Protein backbone atom coordinates (compact mmCIF):
# COMPACT_ATOMS: atom_id res chain seq x y z
CA MET A 1 -29.99 63.40 -29.13
CA SER A 2 -30.97 62.92 -25.46
CA SER A 3 -32.51 59.68 -24.25
CA VAL A 4 -35.83 61.44 -23.61
CA ALA A 5 -35.85 62.80 -27.16
CA LYS A 6 -35.08 59.32 -28.48
CA MET A 7 -37.92 57.83 -26.43
CA ILE A 8 -40.28 60.52 -27.71
CA ALA A 9 -39.23 59.85 -31.31
CA LYS A 10 -39.83 56.13 -30.83
CA ILE A 11 -43.28 56.70 -29.30
CA GLU A 12 -44.18 59.17 -32.06
CA ASP A 13 -43.31 56.56 -34.69
CA GLN A 14 -45.46 53.96 -32.92
CA MET A 15 -48.37 56.36 -32.48
CA GLU A 16 -48.29 57.53 -36.08
CA ALA A 17 -48.39 53.89 -37.15
CA GLU A 18 -51.50 53.49 -34.98
CA GLN A 19 -52.96 56.79 -36.31
CA GLU A 20 -53.03 58.43 -32.88
CA THR A 21 -52.07 61.99 -32.03
CA PRO A 22 -48.26 62.36 -32.22
CA LEU A 23 -46.27 63.58 -29.22
CA ASN A 24 -44.57 66.31 -31.25
CA THR A 25 -47.01 68.83 -29.77
CA VAL A 26 -45.51 68.28 -26.30
CA ASN A 27 -42.69 70.60 -25.26
CA VAL A 28 -39.70 68.32 -24.58
CA GLU A 29 -38.23 70.68 -21.96
CA HIS A 30 -41.55 70.78 -20.09
CA LEU A 31 -41.64 66.99 -20.29
CA ARG A 32 -38.16 66.80 -18.73
CA MET A 33 -39.23 69.21 -16.01
CA ILE A 34 -42.36 67.28 -15.04
CA GLU A 35 -40.34 64.05 -15.07
CA ALA A 36 -37.78 65.59 -12.69
CA LEU A 37 -40.51 66.92 -10.39
CA LEU A 38 -42.20 63.54 -10.12
CA PHE A 39 -38.91 61.72 -9.65
CA ALA A 40 -37.76 63.99 -6.82
CA ALA A 41 -41.11 64.30 -5.04
CA SER A 42 -41.40 62.66 -1.64
CA GLU A 43 -45.15 62.27 -2.13
CA PRO A 44 -47.58 62.11 -5.08
CA LEU A 45 -48.27 65.43 -6.82
CA ASP A 46 -51.51 66.69 -8.35
CA GLN A 47 -51.75 68.67 -11.56
CA LYS A 48 -52.04 71.99 -9.71
CA ALA A 49 -48.82 71.37 -7.77
CA LEU A 50 -47.02 70.41 -10.97
CA ALA A 51 -48.35 73.45 -12.83
CA THR A 52 -46.98 75.83 -10.18
CA SER A 53 -43.44 74.58 -10.89
CA LEU A 54 -43.69 74.58 -14.68
CA PRO A 55 -43.57 77.59 -17.02
CA GLU A 56 -46.87 79.39 -17.47
CA GLY A 57 -49.00 77.82 -20.17
CA ALA A 58 -47.47 74.34 -19.85
CA ASP A 59 -50.08 71.73 -20.81
CA VAL A 60 -49.87 69.57 -17.67
CA PRO A 61 -52.51 66.97 -18.70
CA ALA A 62 -50.81 66.46 -22.09
CA LEU A 63 -47.39 66.24 -20.46
CA LEU A 64 -48.61 63.64 -17.96
CA ALA A 65 -50.23 61.62 -20.74
CA ALA A 66 -47.02 61.74 -22.77
CA LEU A 67 -44.94 60.73 -19.78
CA GLN A 68 -47.27 57.83 -19.05
CA LEU A 69 -46.84 56.65 -22.64
CA LEU A 70 -43.07 56.93 -22.40
CA TYR A 71 -42.92 54.86 -19.23
CA GLU A 72 -45.72 52.33 -19.81
CA LYS A 73 -43.38 49.46 -20.77
CA ARG A 74 -40.48 50.36 -18.50
CA GLY A 75 -39.43 49.22 -15.03
CA VAL A 76 -41.18 52.20 -13.47
CA THR A 77 -44.46 53.75 -14.53
CA ILE A 78 -46.39 56.93 -13.84
CA CYS A 79 -49.44 56.13 -11.72
CA CYS A 80 -52.38 58.32 -10.83
CA VAL A 81 -54.11 57.60 -7.52
CA ALA A 82 -56.76 59.93 -6.15
CA GLY A 83 -55.80 62.58 -8.72
CA LYS A 84 -52.12 62.58 -7.76
CA TYR A 85 -49.20 61.29 -9.80
CA GLN A 86 -46.04 59.43 -8.86
CA PHE A 87 -43.50 56.97 -10.18
CA ARG A 88 -44.08 53.38 -9.12
CA THR A 89 -42.43 50.09 -9.86
CA ALA A 90 -44.15 48.36 -12.78
CA SER A 91 -46.70 45.94 -11.34
CA ASP A 92 -45.23 42.96 -13.18
CA LEU A 93 -41.86 43.60 -11.47
CA ALA A 94 -43.15 44.03 -7.91
CA PHE A 95 -41.87 40.56 -7.03
CA LEU A 96 -38.32 41.89 -7.30
CA LEU A 97 -38.86 44.20 -4.33
CA ARG A 98 -40.27 41.66 -1.88
CA LYS A 99 -38.10 41.04 1.12
CA GLU A 100 -37.65 37.46 2.11
CA LYS A 101 -37.84 36.84 5.83
CA PRO A 102 -36.16 33.78 7.23
CA GLU A 103 -38.68 31.44 8.75
CA GLN A 104 -37.84 30.21 12.23
CA LYS A 105 -38.47 26.54 12.90
C-alpha cells in the first residue's frame, strides 16, 4: 500500500470517528496527480489551472480539500491565497527556515 493510500486510510478512520464525510469518494490517482502538480509548480495554481491538467470530470475542490486534510498536521501544508493553492512550510515550523545573520559590532 502506498504512503498516500495509508494516509488516506488513516484520515478516513479519523473522519468516520468524527462522523464526517469519508475520503473514499476521492479518486486516489487524481489525488496523487494534484499533489504532484502543486509540488512541481513554480507559482500558486488556481482550480482552473489544476483542472486542465487532470482527467476530465476530476472533482478539483474535493481533491484540494482532501489534500489539505492529509497535510494539515505535516511539515508542509496546502495553503490557499487569493484563490490559488500551493505547498507552504507549516506556520509552526517557520522558525526553522530563518537565516541567522551575524551581527557586526
